[in-house]
Amino acid sequence: MTPELNQEHVQPDEDDISDQMVKVTLDQMHTENGRGLRVQHAKATGCVSAKFQVSADIPADLRYGIFRESGRTFDAIVRFSNSQGTIEPDGAGAARGLAIKLLDVTGDRAIPEDHDTTQDFLMVDHPVFLFPDPQAYLDIMRRKNVPLIGSLLAGAHLALFEPDELAIALAIITKQISSPLEITYWSGSPFWLGHVDGLTGHAVKYTARPREDSTEPPVHPETMPADYLSQAIAKHLADREAIFDFAVQLQTDPDTMPIEDVTVRWDEDVSKPITVATLRIGIQIVDPDGALAQQCEAMSFTPWHALAEHRPMGGINRLRKAVYEASFNHRVGH
């Protein structure tokens, strides 16, 4: 099937893959101190309050959803995390996550029966995913589920049969950072930005770039304290704010910027990210045991907490819809 600009292509077996993926996901969920952990991004390195201000000069064709009203400011809760499904030291190789939850968001929802009033943006510090599509994601998760040798088996398969995916995995786990407040994050997967009818608008990806990135990363992060990233966030925000420029990148070529293959990076020289908002994390006390941290851990963060004008696109996002819902329900005992 020839790809078209701003168009998804749903595969006929996606519902079956989704059902299988939910089962595999629930089989992999862990608990700690009697509470269920997220199957991914189990460990928060910080949960903070923030302001998300829409830019004043957004181009007219991008003024949809939360970006409709220039200059508007949303209250937000931001969760920084490590990508593993277990609680590991911050020095262990992992993707670093940024989950932004905007509050008091009104409008038609991406899921019509969803009555939530939030808009979530989920991002990591790598521009592409490890797996291109739902079937590949299911395959790698199944291999990881093999008792005792699952991770070894998954790694061996990548080394032997998927060299491109192996290169992505190595790039992710060998990346060294000094602070979650000083790195760039990408959505990796695409989203709709346009009219609720799906006819007028763009397929986009999101980026969040820090205004400050001056700290040298540790040479040997494995020797750092187990919570050194949490300490870095707390130290930074004790006396100065952290600011990210939030941008959208438009799909301009359906072949080189595919929607259904999230291992392909959209070239930022061809389609330059356009800043549409500022995420401002003010000076605050970051308490890992405080009320905000507890509230954060009880929350569900999913790309499907979204307005219809920001509907998730592509097979991986369609898969995430069922998986995130099942994971949250299992975690809270529903």
Protein backbone atom coordinates (compact mmCIF):
# COMPACT_ATOMS: atom_id res chain seq x y z
CA MET A 1 0.00 0.00 0.00
CA THR A 2 1.39 3.38 -1.03
CA PRO A 3 1.72 5.66 2.01
CA GLU A 4 -0.12 8.97 1.94
CA LEU A 5 0.59 12.19 3.78
CA ASN A 6 -1.11 12.39 7.20
CA GLN A 7 -2.78 8.98 6.78
CA GLU A 8 -2.69 5.85 8.94
CA HIS A 9 -2.84 2.29 7.60
CA VAL A 10 -4.43 -0.12 10.08
CA GLN A 11 -3.32 -3.74 9.66
CA PRO A 12 -6.08 -6.40 9.66
CA ASP A 13 -4.61 -8.40 12.57
CA GLU A 14 -4.06 -5.50 14.97
CA ASP A 15 -6.94 -6.40 17.31
CA ASP A 16 -5.53 -9.90 17.79
CA ILE A 17 -2.02 -8.53 18.35
CA SER A 18 -3.43 -6.08 20.88
CA ASP A 19 -5.17 -8.86 22.84
CA GLN A 20 -1.96 -10.91 22.91
CA MET A 21 0.08 -7.88 23.93
CA VAL A 22 -2.19 -7.15 26.88
CA LYS A 23 -1.67 -10.69 28.18
CA VAL A 24 2.10 -10.53 27.74
CA THR A 25 2.20 -7.14 29.45
CA LEU A 26 0.24 -8.28 32.49
CA ASP A 27 2.51 -11.32 32.80
CA GLN A 28 5.51 -8.98 33.04
CA MET A 29 4.18 -6.62 35.69
CA HIS A 30 6.09 -6.47 38.97
CA THR A 31 5.21 -5.37 42.49
CA GLU A 32 7.25 -3.61 45.15
CA ASN A 33 6.23 -3.05 48.76
CA GLY A 34 2.79 -4.37 47.95
CA ARG A 35 2.07 -1.97 45.09
CA GLY A 36 1.89 -2.77 41.43
CA LEU A 37 4.54 -1.15 39.25
CA ARG A 38 4.13 0.30 35.80
CA VAL A 39 5.21 -2.26 33.21
CA GLN A 40 7.49 0.44 31.82
CA HIS A 41 8.91 3.57 33.45
CA ALA A 42 8.30 2.10 36.89
CA LYS A 43 10.78 4.36 38.67
CA ALA A 44 10.10 8.07 38.88
CA THR A 45 13.17 10.25 39.18
CA GLY A 46 11.04 13.26 39.99
CA CYS A 47 7.48 14.54 39.98
CA VAL A 48 7.02 18.29 39.76
CA SER A 49 4.44 20.98 39.14
CA ALA A 50 4.85 23.13 36.05
CA LYS A 51 3.28 25.68 33.72
CA PHE A 52 2.74 24.99 30.02
CA GLN A 53 2.35 28.24 28.09
CA VAL A 54 1.18 28.26 24.49
CA SER A 55 3.28 30.49 22.24
CA ALA A 56 1.87 33.78 21.03
CA ASP A 57 2.99 33.37 17.42
CA ILE A 58 1.78 29.89 16.43
CA PRO A 59 1.09 29.55 12.68
CA ALA A 60 -2.62 29.53 11.88
CA ASP A 61 -2.58 25.96 10.53
CA LEU A 62 -1.30 24.63 13.87
CA ARG A 63 -3.89 26.30 16.08
CA TYR A 64 -5.85 23.25 17.15
CA GLY A 65 -6.63 21.74 20.53
CA ILE A 66 -4.55 23.16 23.35
CA PHE A 67 -2.69 25.35 20.85
CA ARG A 68 -5.86 27.09 19.67
CA GLU A 69 -5.60 29.98 22.12
CA SER A 70 -2.23 31.71 21.84
CA GLY A 71 -0.67 32.74 25.13
CA ARG A 72 -2.84 30.44 27.25
CA THR A 73 -1.16 28.83 30.25
CA PHE A 74 -2.07 25.37 31.57
CA ASP A 75 -1.17 24.01 34.98
CA ALA A 76 0.74 20.76 34.56
CA ILE A 77 2.18 17.82 36.45
CA VAL A 78 5.43 16.42 35.06
CA ARG A 79 6.85 12.98 35.81
CA PHE A 80 10.46 12.13 34.97
CA SER A 81 11.32 8.43 34.88
CA ASN A 82 13.62 5.57 33.93
CA SER A 83 12.21 3.17 31.37
CA GLN A 84 12.64 -0.19 33.11
CA GLY A 85 9.67 -2.07 34.54
CA THR A 86 11.57 -2.60 37.80
CA ILE A 87 13.20 -0.22 40.26
CA GLU A 88 16.86 0.00 39.23
CA PRO A 89 19.72 2.38 40.11
CA ASP A 90 19.73 5.55 38.02
CA GLY A 91 23.12 4.57 36.60
CA ALA A 92 21.67 1.51 34.85
CA GLY A 93 21.27 1.90 31.10
CA ALA A 94 17.74 2.96 30.18
CA ALA A 95 15.67 5.43 28.26
CA ARG A 96 14.68 8.50 30.28
CA GLY A 97 11.05 9.51 30.21
CA LEU A 98 9.19 12.80 30.37
CA ALA A 99 5.43 12.62 30.92
CA ILE A 100 3.51 15.90 30.88
CA LYS A 101 -0.08 16.03 32.13
CA LEU A 102 -1.93 19.27 31.38
CA LEU A 103 -4.88 19.99 33.67
CA ASP A 104 -8.33 21.46 33.06
CA VAL A 105 -8.34 20.68 29.33
CA THR A 106 -11.76 20.73 27.73
CA GLY A 107 -12.97 19.64 24.31
CA ASP A 108 -13.85 16.57 22.24
CA ARG A 109 -11.79 13.58 23.33
CA ALA A 110 -9.69 11.16 21.27
CA ILE A 111 -11.71 8.40 22.98
CA PRO A 112 -15.33 9.64 22.93
CA GLU A 113 -16.30 7.85 26.16
CA ASP A 114 -13.31 9.34 27.99
CA HIS A 115 -14.50 12.09 30.33
CA ASP A 116 -11.05 13.05 31.58
CA THR A 117 -9.98 16.70 31.50
CA THR A 118 -6.26 16.24 30.91
CA GLN A 119 -3.91 16.17 27.95
CA ASP A 120 -0.88 13.91 28.26
CA PHE A 121 2.37 14.04 26.29
CA LEU A 122 4.71 11.05 26.74
CA MET A 123 8.29 11.39 25.52
CA VAL A 124 11.72 9.76 25.91
CA ASP A 125 15.30 10.90 25.33
CA HIS A 126 15.66 9.07 22.01
CA PRO A 127 13.97 10.07 18.74
CA VAL A 128 12.85 6.59 17.65
CA PHE A 129 11.42 3.42 19.15
CA LEU A 130 13.23 0.09 19.35
CA PHE A 131 10.51 -1.71 17.36
CA PRO A 132 8.81 -0.54 14.15
CA ASP A 133 5.25 -1.84 14.57
CA PRO A 134 2.88 -3.80 16.85
CA GLN A 135 3.95 -7.26 15.65
CA ALA A 136 7.63 -6.52 16.25
CA TYR A 137 6.81 -5.12 19.69
CA LEU A 138 4.84 -8.25 20.58
CA ASP A 139 7.66 -10.50 19.37
CA ILE A 140 10.31 -8.83 21.51
CA MET A 141 8.08 -8.78 24.60
CA ARG A 142 7.35 -12.49 24.17
CA ARG A 143 11.05 -13.28 24.09
CA LYS A 144 11.60 -11.25 27.24
CA ASN A 145 8.88 -13.32 28.94
CA VAL A 146 10.85 -16.58 28.70
CA PRO A 147 11.70 -17.54 32.31
CA LEU A 148 15.29 -16.86 33.47
CA ILE A 149 16.76 -16.16 30.02
CA GLY A 150 14.18 -13.80 28.52
CA SER A 151 16.35 -10.68 28.33
CA LEU A 152 19.29 -12.70 27.03
CA LEU A 153 17.09 -14.31 24.38
CA ALA A 154 15.69 -10.97 23.26
CA GLY A 155 19.18 -9.49 23.04
CA ALA A 156 20.52 -12.45 21.08
CA HIS A 157 17.68 -12.21 18.57
CA LEU A 158 18.42 -8.53 17.98
CA ALA A 159 22.13 -9.24 17.55
CA LEU A 160 21.53 -12.02 15.03
CA PHE A 161 18.50 -10.88 13.07
CA GLU A 162 17.74 -7.20 13.76
CA PRO A 163 21.00 -5.20 13.56
CA ASP A 164 19.22 -1.87 13.08
CA GLU A 165 17.09 -2.41 16.18
CA LEU A 166 20.17 -3.56 18.10
CA ALA A 167 21.91 -0.29 17.20
CA ILE A 168 18.92 1.64 18.55
CA ALA A 169 18.94 -0.39 21.78
CA LEU A 170 22.65 0.21 22.31
CA ALA A 171 22.28 3.93 21.63
CA ILE A 172 19.55 4.12 24.27
CA ILE A 173 21.21 2.14 27.07
CA THR A 174 24.70 3.62 26.64
CA LYS A 175 23.55 7.24 26.72
CA GLN A 176 24.92 9.01 29.79
CA ILE A 177 23.10 11.97 31.33
CA SER A 178 23.71 14.27 34.26
CA SER A 179 20.15 15.49 34.79
CA PRO A 180 16.70 14.80 33.32
CA LEU A 181 16.27 18.59 33.20
CA GLU A 182 19.10 19.01 30.68
CA ILE A 183 18.28 16.57 27.87
CA THR A 184 16.02 16.62 24.81
CA TYR A 185 12.93 14.42 24.63
CA TRP A 186 10.98 13.15 21.61
CA SER A 187 7.54 11.59 21.25
CA GLY A 188 8.93 8.99 18.83
CA SER A 189 5.45 8.16 17.59
CA PRO A 190 3.20 10.49 15.54
CA PHE A 191 0.05 12.35 16.51
CA TRP A 192 -2.72 14.18 14.72
CA LEU A 193 -2.77 17.96 15.00
CA GLY A 194 -5.87 19.19 13.28
CA HIS A 195 -9.64 19.30 13.05
CA VAL A 196 -11.61 16.58 14.82
CA ASP A 197 -12.89 15.35 11.44
CA GLY A 198 -9.37 14.17 10.62
CA LEU A 199 -9.42 15.91 7.25
CA THR A 200 -7.72 19.24 7.91
CA GLY A 201 -4.43 19.18 9.78
CA HIS A 202 -1.06 17.47 10.05
CA ALA A 203 0.61 14.34 11.35
CA VAL A 204 3.26 15.57 13.80
CA LYS A 205 5.85 14.42 16.28
CA TYR A 206 6.72 16.33 19.45
CA THR A 207 10.03 17.42 20.93
CA ALA A 208 10.92 19.12 24.21
CA ARG A 209 14.34 20.81 24.27
CA PRO A 210 15.90 22.22 27.45
CA ARG A 211 17.13 25.78 27.60
CA GLU A 212 20.02 24.57 29.79
CA ASP A 213 22.28 21.60 29.02
CA SER A 214 25.64 22.61 30.45
CA THR A 215 26.36 19.86 32.97
CA GLU A 216 28.84 17.19 31.92
CA PRO A 217 27.42 13.66 32.28
CA PRO A 218 29.24 11.26 34.62
CA VAL A 219 31.88 9.07 32.99
CA HIS A 220 30.87 6.08 35.12
CA PRO A 221 27.17 6.50 36.02
CA GLU A 222 27.11 3.02 37.54
CA THR A 223 29.28 4.36 40.39
CA MET A 224 26.89 7.22 41.16
CA PRO A 225 24.26 7.07 43.95
CA ALA A 226 21.23 4.97 43.03
CA ASP A 227 19.08 8.10 42.96
CA TYR A 228 21.58 10.55 41.46
CA LEU A 229 19.09 11.73 38.81
CA SER A 230 16.50 12.47 41.49
CA GLN A 231 19.16 14.38 43.41
CA ALA A 232 20.04 16.37 40.28
CA ILE A 233 16.42 17.42 39.75
CA ALA A 234 15.98 18.42 43.39
CA LYS A 235 19.26 20.38 43.48
CA HIS A 236 18.47 22.23 40.24
CA LEU A 237 14.93 23.23 41.22
CA ALA A 238 15.95 24.29 44.71
CA ASP A 239 17.31 27.56 43.35
CA ARG A 240 16.46 27.93 39.66
CA GLU A 241 13.74 27.01 37.20
CA ALA A 242 14.00 24.62 34.28
CA ILE A 243 12.55 25.55 30.89
CA PHE A 244 11.83 23.39 27.85
CA ASP A 245 10.80 24.58 24.39
CA PHE A 246 7.97 22.32 23.23
CA ALA A 247 7.81 21.91 19.45
CA VAL A 248 5.93 20.06 16.72
CA GLN A 249 7.54 18.53 13.65
CA LEU A 250 5.28 18.15 10.61
CA GLN A 251 5.24 15.11 8.38
CA THR A 252 6.18 16.44 4.94
CA ASP A 253 6.99 13.20 3.10
CA PRO A 254 5.02 9.97 3.70
CA ASP A 255 7.89 7.77 2.49
CA THR A 256 10.82 9.17 4.45
CA MET A 257 8.66 10.18 7.44
CA PRO A 258 6.41 7.14 7.91
CA ILE A 259 3.56 7.00 10.39
CA GLU A 260 3.49 3.21 10.78
CA ASP A 261 7.24 2.63 11.33
CA VAL A 262 8.46 4.36 14.48
CA THR A 263 12.09 3.23 14.07
CA VAL A 264 12.50 5.87 11.35
CA ARG A 265 13.61 9.31 12.50
CA TRP A 266 11.93 12.24 10.78
CA ASP A 267 14.74 14.42 9.45
CA GLU A 268 14.75 17.71 11.35
CA ASP A 269 16.71 19.39 8.57
CA VAL A 270 13.90 18.60 6.13
CA SER A 271 11.07 19.40 8.53
CA LYS A 272 12.29 21.73 11.25
CA PRO A 273 10.50 21.55 14.62
CA ILE A 274 8.26 24.56 15.23
CA THR A 275 8.09 25.81 18.82
CA VAL A 276 4.46 26.00 19.96
CA ALA A 277 4.75 26.21 23.75
CA THR A 278 7.06 26.60 26.73
CA LEU A 279 7.20 24.14 29.62
CA ARG A 280 8.33 26.04 32.69
CA ILE A 281 9.20 24.10 35.85
CA GLY A 282 9.53 26.64 38.64
CA ILE A 283 11.64 26.67 41.78
CA GLN A 284 10.21 24.12 44.21
CA ILE A 285 11.03 21.50 46.80
CA VAL A 286 11.07 18.07 45.16
CA ASP A 287 10.16 15.51 47.81
CA PRO A 288 10.15 11.86 46.62
CA ASP A 289 7.85 10.96 49.52
CA GLY A 290 5.67 14.07 49.38
CA ALA A 291 2.03 14.47 48.45
CA LEU A 292 2.74 15.41 44.83
CA ALA A 293 4.99 12.37 44.34
CA GLN A 294 2.31 10.09 45.77
CA GLN A 295 -0.34 11.69 43.58
CA CYS A 296 1.92 11.25 40.57
CA GLU A 297 2.43 7.53 41.22
CA ALA A 298 -1.32 7.00 41.49
CA MET A 299 -1.90 8.67 38.12
CA SER A 300 -2.21 7.11 34.71
CA PHE A 301 -0.12 8.69 31.96
CA THR A 302 -1.11 7.62 28.45
CA PRO A 303 -1.01 9.24 25.01
CA TRP A 304 -4.73 8.49 24.81
CA HIS A 305 -5.51 11.03 27.52
CA ALA A 306 -5.93 13.46 24.67
CA LEU A 307 -8.22 15.75 22.78
CA ALA A 308 -9.46 14.48 19.42
CA GLU A 309 -7.39 17.25 17.85
CA HIS A 310 -4.28 15.56 19.29
CA ARG A 311 -5.29 11.95 18.54
CA PRO A 312 -2.42 9.41 18.66
CA MET A 313 -1.57 7.96 15.25
CA GLY A 314 0.11 4.78 14.00
CA GLY A 315 0.12 1.13 14.98
CA ILE A 316 2.28 1.52 18.09
CA ASN A 317 -0.03 4.19 19.48
CA ARG A 318 -3.10 2.11 18.67
CA LEU A 319 -1.48 -0.76 20.57
CA ARG A 320 -0.64 1.49 23.52
CA LYS A 321 -4.32 2.31 23.95
CA ALA A 322 -5.21 -1.21 25.14
CA VAL A 323 -1.91 -1.93 26.88
CA TYR A 324 -1.80 1.24 28.98
CA GLU A 325 -5.42 0.82 30.06
CA ALA A 326 -4.89 -2.82 31.08
CA SER A 327 -1.65 -1.97 32.88
CA PHE A 328 -3.26 0.83 34.89
CA ASN A 329 -6.31 -1.25 35.83
CA HIS A 330 -4.08 -4.11 36.97
CA ARG A 331 -1.79 -1.77 38.90
CA VAL A 332 -4.62 -0.19 40.89
CA GLY A 333 -6.53 -3.45 41.34
CA HIS A 334 -9.51 -2.82 39.07
